[in-house]
Amino acid sequence: MKTKQTAIRIKNKRATFDYEILERYTAGIVLVGTEIKALREGKANLTDSFCFFFNNELWVKNLSISPYFYGSYNNHNPRRDRKLLLTTKELRKLERGTKEKGCTLIPTLLFINEKGLAKLEIALAKGKKEYDKRDSIKEKEDKRVMDRAFKSKI
């Protein structure tokens, strides 16, 4: 008997505003029991999190998963470093990409796939300057105005 799972999709809304996304990858994430239970309740925050390499492995830092309410002494540390799972080829490509000036790895989306596994979408990104942010705000507003004008004609 299968139970219906709710779609858990936790986004990093600041990522597209602060960074220009170059490439996206989907990585598995190593979690303990109470972390996946808290994640299924939607208690996670991607703000201020970033990825780094340590011993040729990719880790995510500052990913906040709140403690599980029913977890006892077994509860996890909310901001511990978590290992990401990618292929060796992808890891090498990302490591080369982060060595370029201004490039970094940021988590953009945390979700549970159809098999019930926690996945983290990470992006190789380049930081935006202040004037780039103003341009993206202007483009967003222009698109919104055009959509309103199109809907009013229908």
N, C-alpha and C. Protein backbone atom coordinates (compact mmCIF):
# COMPACT_ATOMS: atom_id res chain seq x y z
N MET A 1 0.84 -1.19 0.00
CA MET A 1 0.00 0.00 0.00
C MET A 1 0.88 1.24 0.00
N LYS A 2 0.71 2.09 -1.01
CA LYS A 2 1.51 3.31 -1.11
C LYS A 2 0.75 4.46 -0.49
N THR A 3 1.49 5.30 0.23
CA THR A 3 0.89 6.50 0.79
C THR A 3 1.25 7.69 -0.09
N LYS A 4 0.35 8.63 -0.17
CA LYS A 4 0.60 9.81 -0.99
C LYS A 4 1.52 10.76 -0.23
N GLN A 5 2.62 11.13 -0.87
CA GLN A 5 3.55 12.06 -0.24
C GLN A 5 3.29 13.47 -0.77
N THR A 6 3.42 14.43 0.12
CA THR A 6 3.30 15.81 -0.33
C THR A 6 4.60 16.24 -0.98
N ALA A 7 4.50 17.13 -1.92
CA ALA A 7 5.68 17.59 -2.65
C ALA A 7 6.46 18.59 -1.79
N ILE A 8 7.64 18.20 -1.36
CA ILE A 8 8.50 19.07 -0.58
C ILE A 8 9.49 19.71 -1.54
N ARG A 9 9.42 21.02 -1.68
CA ARG A 9 10.32 21.77 -2.56
C ARG A 9 10.69 23.05 -1.82
N ILE A 10 11.88 23.08 -1.25
CA ILE A 10 12.35 24.24 -0.50
C ILE A 10 13.35 24.97 -1.38
N LYS A 11 13.04 26.23 -1.70
CA LYS A 11 13.85 27.01 -2.63
C LYS A 11 14.71 28.02 -1.90
N ASN A 12 15.84 28.33 -2.52
CA ASN A 12 16.70 29.42 -2.07
C ASN A 12 16.35 30.62 -2.95
N LYS A 13 15.46 31.46 -2.47
CA LYS A 13 14.94 32.56 -3.28
C LYS A 13 15.97 33.64 -3.55
N ARG A 14 16.94 33.79 -2.69
CA ARG A 14 17.97 34.81 -2.88
C ARG A 14 19.01 34.40 -3.92
N ALA A 15 19.05 33.12 -4.26
CA ALA A 15 20.10 32.63 -5.16
C ALA A 15 20.04 33.30 -6.53
N THR A 16 18.88 33.35 -7.15
CA THR A 16 18.80 33.92 -8.48
C THR A 16 18.93 35.44 -8.46
N PHE A 17 18.68 36.04 -7.32
CA PHE A 17 18.83 37.49 -7.20
C PHE A 17 20.29 37.89 -7.00
N ASP A 18 21.00 37.14 -6.18
CA ASP A 18 22.38 37.48 -5.85
C ASP A 18 23.41 36.88 -6.81
N TYR A 19 23.02 35.84 -7.56
CA TYR A 19 23.98 35.13 -8.40
C TYR A 19 23.44 34.93 -9.82
N GLU A 20 24.36 34.85 -10.76
CA GLU A 20 24.03 34.47 -12.13
C GLU A 20 24.32 32.97 -12.22
N ILE A 21 23.30 32.18 -12.49
CA ILE A 21 23.43 30.73 -12.51
C ILE A 21 24.08 30.30 -13.83
N LEU A 22 25.18 29.54 -13.74
CA LEU A 22 25.88 29.05 -14.93
C LEU A 22 25.47 27.62 -15.26
N GLU A 23 25.50 26.72 -14.28
CA GLU A 23 25.14 25.31 -14.48
C GLU A 23 24.43 24.80 -13.24
N ARG A 24 23.55 23.83 -13.43
CA ARG A 24 22.82 23.22 -12.31
C ARG A 24 23.10 21.71 -12.28
N TYR A 25 23.18 21.17 -11.07
CA TYR A 25 23.39 19.74 -10.86
C TYR A 25 22.46 19.28 -9.75
N THR A 26 22.04 18.03 -9.83
CA THR A 26 21.23 17.43 -8.78
C THR A 26 22.09 16.44 -8.03
N ALA A 27 22.20 16.64 -6.71
CA ALA A 27 23.06 15.79 -5.88
C ALA A 27 22.22 15.12 -4.80
N GLY A 28 22.62 13.92 -4.44
CA GLY A 28 22.04 13.27 -3.28
C GLY A 28 22.64 13.90 -2.04
N ILE A 29 21.96 13.75 -0.92
CA ILE A 29 22.46 14.34 0.32
C ILE A 29 22.40 13.28 1.41
N VAL A 30 23.45 13.19 2.21
CA VAL A 30 23.54 12.19 3.28
C VAL A 30 22.89 12.78 4.53
N LEU A 31 21.81 12.13 4.99
CA LEU A 31 21.07 12.61 6.15
C LEU A 31 20.94 11.50 7.19
N VAL A 32 20.70 11.89 8.44
CA VAL A 32 20.40 10.92 9.49
C VAL A 32 18.88 10.84 9.64
N GLY A 33 18.40 9.90 10.44
CA GLY A 33 16.97 9.61 10.54
C GLY A 33 16.09 10.78 10.90
N THR A 34 16.47 11.55 11.90
CA THR A 34 15.61 12.65 12.31
C THR A 34 15.65 13.81 11.31
N GLU A 35 16.72 13.90 10.52
CA GLU A 35 16.80 14.96 9.51
C GLU A 35 15.80 14.74 8.39
N ILE A 36 15.68 13.51 7.92
CA ILE A 36 14.74 13.24 6.83
C ILE A 36 13.31 13.39 7.31
N LYS A 37 13.06 13.06 8.56
CA LYS A 37 11.70 13.24 9.11
C LYS A 37 11.35 14.72 9.20
N ALA A 38 12.29 15.54 9.65
CA ALA A 38 12.05 16.98 9.72
C ALA A 38 11.93 17.57 8.33
N LEU A 39 12.69 17.06 7.39
CA LEU A 39 12.63 17.54 6.01
C LEU A 39 11.27 17.23 5.39
N ARG A 40 10.72 16.08 5.68
CA ARG A 40 9.40 15.72 5.16
C ARG A 40 8.30 16.62 5.73
N GLU A 41 8.57 17.23 6.87
CA GLU A 41 7.65 18.22 7.42
C GLU A 41 7.88 19.60 6.83
N GLY A 42 8.92 19.75 6.01
CA GLY A 42 9.21 21.02 5.35
C GLY A 42 9.99 21.99 6.21
N LYS A 43 10.71 21.50 7.19
CA LYS A 43 11.43 22.37 8.11
C LYS A 43 12.90 22.47 7.75
N ALA A 44 13.17 23.18 6.67
CA ALA A 44 14.55 23.39 6.23
C ALA A 44 14.68 24.80 5.68
N ASN A 45 15.92 25.30 5.68
CA ASN A 45 16.19 26.65 5.22
C ASN A 45 17.52 26.65 4.47
N LEU A 46 17.49 27.14 3.23
CA LEU A 46 18.70 27.16 2.40
C LEU A 46 19.43 28.50 2.43
N THR A 47 18.88 29.49 3.11
CA THR A 47 19.49 30.81 3.14
C THR A 47 20.86 30.74 3.79
N ASP A 48 21.83 31.43 3.22
CA ASP A 48 23.21 31.52 3.71
C ASP A 48 23.97 30.19 3.61
N SER A 49 23.46 29.22 2.90
CA SER A 49 24.19 27.96 2.76
C SER A 49 25.05 28.00 1.50
N PHE A 50 26.13 27.24 1.53
CA PHE A 50 27.05 27.17 0.40
C PHE A 50 27.73 25.82 0.40
N CYS A 51 28.36 25.47 -0.72
CA CYS A 51 29.04 24.19 -0.87
C CYS A 51 30.55 24.41 -0.95
N PHE A 52 31.29 23.43 -0.45
CA PHE A 52 32.75 23.51 -0.50
C PHE A 52 33.33 22.11 -0.65
N PHE A 53 34.56 22.05 -1.13
CA PHE A 53 35.27 20.79 -1.29
C PHE A 53 36.20 20.55 -0.11
N PHE A 54 36.19 19.30 0.39
CA PHE A 54 37.10 18.89 1.45
C PHE A 54 37.47 17.43 1.17
N ASN A 55 38.76 17.17 1.00
CA ASN A 55 39.27 15.83 0.67
C ASN A 55 38.59 15.25 -0.57
N ASN A 56 38.47 16.05 -1.61
CA ASN A 56 37.85 15.64 -2.88
C ASN A 56 36.39 15.19 -2.72
N GLU A 57 35.73 15.67 -1.70
CA GLU A 57 34.31 15.40 -1.49
C GLU A 57 33.59 16.73 -1.40
N LEU A 58 32.35 16.76 -1.81
CA LEU A 58 31.55 17.99 -1.79
C LEU A 58 30.67 17.99 -0.56
N TRP A 59 30.72 19.10 0.18
CA TRP A 59 29.95 19.25 1.41
C TRP A 59 29.12 20.52 1.33
N VAL A 60 28.00 20.53 2.03
CA VAL A 60 27.18 21.74 2.12
C VAL A 60 27.24 22.23 3.56
N LYS A 61 27.44 23.55 3.72
CA LYS A 61 27.59 24.15 5.04
C LYS A 61 26.43 25.12 5.25
N ASN A 62 25.98 25.25 6.48
CA ASN A 62 24.92 26.16 6.92
C ASN A 62 23.55 25.80 6.37
N LEU A 63 23.34 24.59 5.89
CA LEU A 63 22.01 24.14 5.52
C LEU A 63 21.29 23.82 6.82
N SER A 64 20.24 24.57 7.09
CA SER A 64 19.54 24.44 8.37
C SER A 64 18.33 23.53 8.23
N ILE A 65 18.36 22.41 8.93
CA ILE A 65 17.20 21.51 9.04
C ILE A 65 16.82 21.49 10.51
N SER A 66 15.65 22.03 10.82
CA SER A 66 15.22 22.16 12.21
C SER A 66 15.13 20.80 12.89
N PRO A 67 15.34 20.75 14.21
CA PRO A 67 15.23 19.47 14.93
C PRO A 67 13.81 18.89 14.81
N TYR A 68 13.76 17.57 14.73
CA TYR A 68 12.49 16.86 14.64
C TYR A 68 11.82 16.91 16.01
N PHE A 69 10.55 17.27 16.03
CA PHE A 69 9.84 17.49 17.29
C PHE A 69 9.80 16.22 18.14
N TYR A 70 9.56 15.07 17.53
CA TYR A 70 9.43 13.83 18.28
C TYR A 70 10.77 13.11 18.49
N GLY A 71 11.85 13.69 18.00
CA GLY A 71 13.16 13.10 18.22
C GLY A 71 13.59 13.33 19.66
N SER A 72 14.13 12.32 20.28
CA SER A 72 14.54 12.46 21.68
C SER A 72 16.01 12.86 21.74
N TYR A 73 16.79 12.16 22.47
CA TYR A 73 18.21 12.44 22.59
C TYR A 73 18.93 12.16 21.27
N ASN A 74 18.27 11.48 20.33
CA ASN A 74 18.87 11.16 19.04
C ASN A 74 18.81 12.32 18.04
N ASN A 75 18.23 13.44 18.43
CA ASN A 75 18.05 14.55 17.49
C ASN A 75 19.38 15.04 16.94
N HIS A 76 19.34 15.62 15.76
CA HIS A 76 20.53 16.05 15.04
C HIS A 76 20.87 17.51 15.32
N ASN A 77 22.09 17.89 14.97
CA ASN A 77 22.53 19.28 15.04
C ASN A 77 21.94 20.00 13.82
N PRO A 78 21.18 21.08 13.99
CA PRO A 78 20.49 21.70 12.86
C PRO A 78 21.40 22.24 11.76
N ARG A 79 22.60 22.71 12.06
CA ARG A 79 23.44 23.33 11.04
C ARG A 79 24.73 22.55 10.77
N ARG A 80 24.69 21.25 10.93
CA ARG A 80 25.91 20.47 10.70
C ARG A 80 26.23 20.40 9.21
N ASP A 81 27.50 20.12 8.89
CA ASP A 81 27.92 19.96 7.50
C ASP A 81 27.40 18.62 6.99
N ARG A 82 26.85 18.63 5.77
CA ARG A 82 26.29 17.41 5.19
C ARG A 82 26.99 17.10 3.87
N LYS A 83 27.27 15.83 3.65
CA LYS A 83 27.98 15.40 2.46
C LYS A 83 27.00 15.29 1.29
N LEU A 84 27.48 15.72 0.11
CA LEU A 84 26.69 15.62 -1.11
C LEU A 84 27.23 14.49 -1.98
N LEU A 85 26.35 13.83 -2.69
CA LEU A 85 26.72 12.67 -3.49
C LEU A 85 26.58 13.00 -4.97
N LEU A 86 27.69 13.00 -5.67
CA LEU A 86 27.74 13.23 -7.11
C LEU A 86 28.72 12.24 -7.73
N THR A 87 28.70 12.11 -9.05
CA THR A 87 29.66 11.25 -9.72
C THR A 87 31.03 11.92 -9.69
N THR A 88 32.07 11.12 -9.86
CA THR A 88 33.44 11.64 -9.84
C THR A 88 33.66 12.64 -10.96
N LYS A 89 33.08 12.37 -12.11
CA LYS A 89 33.22 13.27 -13.26
C LYS A 89 32.59 14.63 -12.94
N GLU A 90 31.42 14.62 -12.35
CA GLU A 90 30.75 15.87 -11.98
C GLU A 90 31.54 16.62 -10.91
N LEU A 91 32.08 15.89 -9.95
CA LEU A 91 32.87 16.52 -8.89
C LEU A 91 34.10 17.22 -9.46
N ARG A 92 34.79 16.56 -10.38
CA ARG A 92 35.97 17.17 -10.98
C ARG A 92 35.61 18.43 -11.76
N LYS A 93 34.51 18.36 -12.50
CA LYS A 93 34.05 19.51 -13.29
C LYS A 93 33.69 20.69 -12.39
N LEU A 94 33.02 20.39 -11.29
CA LEU A 94 32.64 21.45 -10.35
C LEU A 94 33.86 22.03 -9.65
N GLU A 95 34.81 21.20 -9.31
CA GLU A 95 36.02 21.69 -8.65
C GLU A 95 36.80 22.62 -9.56
N ARG A 96 36.87 22.28 -10.85
CA ARG A 96 37.52 23.18 -11.81
C ARG A 96 36.74 24.49 -11.93
N GLY A 97 35.43 24.39 -11.92
CA GLY A 97 34.59 25.58 -12.04
C GLY A 97 34.72 26.52 -10.87
N THR A 98 34.90 25.99 -9.67
CA THR A 98 35.01 26.85 -8.49
C THR A 98 36.37 27.54 -8.41
N LYS A 99 37.35 27.04 -9.15
CA LYS A 99 38.67 27.68 -9.13
C LYS A 99 38.69 28.94 -9.98
N GLU A 100 37.68 29.12 -10.85
CA GLU A 100 37.59 30.35 -11.63
C GLU A 100 37.25 31.51 -10.70
N LYS A 101 37.70 32.70 -11.08
CA LYS A 101 37.48 33.86 -10.24
C LYS A 101 35.99 34.23 -10.19
N GLY A 102 35.47 34.39 -9.00
CA GLY A 102 34.09 34.83 -8.81
C GLY A 102 33.05 33.73 -8.84
N CYS A 103 33.44 32.47 -9.07
CA CYS A 103 32.48 31.37 -9.14
C CYS A 103 32.38 30.66 -7.80
N THR A 104 31.19 30.22 -7.48
CA THR A 104 30.94 29.50 -6.24
C THR A 104 29.83 28.48 -6.45
N LEU A 105 29.67 27.59 -5.49
CA LEU A 105 28.61 26.60 -5.54
C LEU A 105 27.57 26.95 -4.49
N ILE A 106 26.32 27.08 -4.92
CA ILE A 106 25.24 27.41 -3.98
C ILE A 106 24.09 26.43 -4.14
N PRO A 107 23.44 26.05 -3.06
CA PRO A 107 22.24 25.22 -3.16
C PRO A 107 21.06 26.09 -3.59
N THR A 108 20.28 25.60 -4.55
CA THR A 108 19.14 26.38 -5.04
C THR A 108 17.81 25.74 -4.68
N LEU A 109 17.76 24.41 -4.54
CA LEU A 109 16.50 23.73 -4.30
C LEU A 109 16.74 22.45 -3.52
N LEU A 110 15.95 22.21 -2.51
CA LEU A 110 15.99 20.98 -1.72
C LEU A 110 14.64 20.31 -1.90
N PHE A 111 14.65 19.05 -2.35
CA PHE A 111 13.38 18.38 -2.60
C PHE A 111 13.50 16.89 -2.32
N ILE A 112 12.34 16.23 -2.27
CA ILE A 112 12.28 14.79 -2.12
C ILE A 112 11.74 14.24 -3.44
N ASN A 113 12.48 13.33 -4.07
CA ASN A 113 12.07 12.83 -5.38
C ASN A 113 10.97 11.78 -5.24
N GLU A 114 10.55 11.21 -6.37
CA GLU A 114 9.43 10.26 -6.36
C GLU A 114 9.76 8.97 -5.63
N LYS A 115 11.04 8.66 -5.47
CA LYS A 115 11.43 7.46 -4.72
C LYS A 115 11.53 7.71 -3.22
N GLY A 116 11.35 8.96 -2.80
CA GLY A 116 11.41 9.30 -1.39
C GLY A 116 12.81 9.67 -0.92
N LEU A 117 13.73 9.94 -1.85
CA LEU A 117 15.10 10.30 -1.49
C LEU A 117 15.26 11.81 -1.49
N ALA A 118 16.02 12.33 -0.54
CA ALA A 118 16.28 13.76 -0.47
C ALA A 118 17.35 14.13 -1.49
N LYS A 119 17.07 15.15 -2.27
CA LYS A 119 18.00 15.63 -3.29
C LYS A 119 18.20 17.12 -3.11
N LEU A 120 19.38 17.58 -3.47
CA LEU A 120 19.72 19.00 -3.38
C LEU A 120 20.20 19.44 -4.76
N GLU A 121 19.54 20.45 -5.30
CA GLU A 121 19.98 21.01 -6.57
C GLU A 121 21.00 22.10 -6.26
N ILE A 122 22.21 21.94 -6.80
CA ILE A 122 23.24 22.93 -6.58
C ILE A 122 23.55 23.60 -7.90
N ALA A 123 24.07 24.81 -7.82
CA ALA A 123 24.35 25.57 -9.03
C ALA A 123 25.75 26.16 -8.95
N LEU A 124 26.45 26.09 -10.06
CA LEU A 124 27.70 26.81 -10.22
C LEU A 124 27.30 28.21 -10.62
N ALA A 125 27.66 29.19 -9.80
CA ALA A 125 27.14 30.54 -10.00
C ALA A 125 28.25 31.57 -9.86
N LYS A 126 27.98 32.72 -10.47
CA LYS A 126 28.89 33.85 -10.40
C LYS A 126 28.12 34.99 -9.74
N GLY A 127 28.75 35.66 -8.78
CA GLY A 127 28.08 36.73 -8.06
C GLY A 127 27.75 37.92 -8.95
N LYS A 128 26.58 38.52 -8.69
CA LYS A 128 26.16 39.69 -9.46
C LYS A 128 26.65 40.96 -8.78
N LYS A 129 26.90 41.96 -9.57
CA LYS A 129 27.21 43.29 -9.06
C LYS A 129 25.89 44.01 -8.78
N GLU A 130 25.96 45.16 -8.14
CA GLU A 130 24.76 45.92 -7.79
C GLU A 130 23.97 46.33 -9.02
N TYR A 131 24.67 46.76 -10.09
CA TYR A 131 23.94 47.19 -11.28
C TYR A 131 23.28 46.01 -11.99
N ASP A 132 23.86 44.80 -11.88
CA ASP A 132 23.22 43.62 -12.45
C ASP A 132 21.92 43.32 -11.73
N LYS A 133 21.91 43.51 -10.42
CA LYS A 133 20.70 43.27 -9.65
C LYS A 133 19.60 44.25 -10.05
N ARG A 134 19.98 45.50 -10.29
CA ARG A 134 18.98 46.50 -10.71
C ARG A 134 18.42 46.13 -12.08
N ASP A 135 19.27 45.63 -12.98
CA ASP A 135 18.80 45.21 -14.29
C ASP A 135 17.80 44.06 -14.19
N SER A 136 18.10 43.09 -13.33
CA SER A 136 17.18 41.94 -13.20
C SER A 136 15.85 42.37 -12.60
N ILE A 137 15.85 43.34 -11.68
CA ILE A 137 14.60 43.86 -11.11
C ILE A 137 13.80 44.56 -12.20
N LYS A 138 14.47 45.35 -13.02
CA LYS A 138 13.79 46.07 -14.11
C LYS A 138 13.19 45.09 -15.11
N GLU A 139 13.93 44.04 -15.47
CA GLU A 139 13.40 43.03 -16.40
C GLU A 139 12.18 42.34 -15.83
N LYS A 140 12.21 42.03 -14.54
CA LYS A 140 11.08 41.38 -13.89
C LYS A 140 9.84 42.26 -13.92
N GLU A 141 10.02 43.56 -13.61
CA GLU A 141 8.90 44.49 -13.63
C GLU A 141 8.35 44.67 -15.03
N ASP A 142 9.22 44.76 -16.04
CA ASP A 142 8.78 44.89 -17.42
C ASP A 142 7.96 43.67 -17.86
N LYS A 143 8.42 42.50 -17.48
CA LYS A 143 7.70 41.26 -17.84
C LYS A 143 6.33 41.25 -17.17
N ARG A 144 6.26 41.69 -15.92
CA ARG A 144 5.00 41.73 -15.19
C ARG A 144 4.01 42.69 -15.87
N VAL A 145 4.50 43.86 -16.30
CA VAL A 145 3.65 44.84 -16.98
C VAL A 145 3.15 44.28 -18.31
N MET A 146 4.02 43.62 -19.06
CA MET A 146 3.62 43.03 -20.34
C MET A 146 2.58 41.93 -20.15
N ASP A 147 2.74 41.11 -19.12
CA ASP A 147 1.77 40.05 -18.84
C ASP A 147 0.41 40.64 -18.49
N ARG A 148 0.40 41.72 -17.71
CA ARG A 148 -0.87 42.38 -17.35
C ARG A 148 -1.54 42.94 -18.60
N ALA A 149 -0.77 43.56 -19.47
CA ALA A 149 -1.32 44.14 -20.69
C ALA A 149 -1.89 43.05 -21.60
N PHE A 150 -1.22 41.91 -21.68
CA PHE A 150 -1.68 40.81 -22.50
C PHE A 150 -2.96 40.21 -21.95
N LYS A 151 -3.04 40.06 -20.63
CA LYS A 151 -4.23 39.49 -19.99
C LYS A 151 -5.43 40.42 -20.13
N SER A 152 -5.21 41.73 -20.11
CA SER A 152 -6.32 42.66 -20.21
C SER A 152 -6.91 42.68 -21.63
N LYS A 153 -6.10 42.31 -22.65
CA LYS A 153 -6.60 42.25 -24.02
C LYS A 153 -7.47 41.04 -24.27
N ILE A 154 -7.27 40.01 -23.49
CA ILE A 154 -8.02 38.75 -23.69
C ILE A 154 -9.39 38.84 -23.13
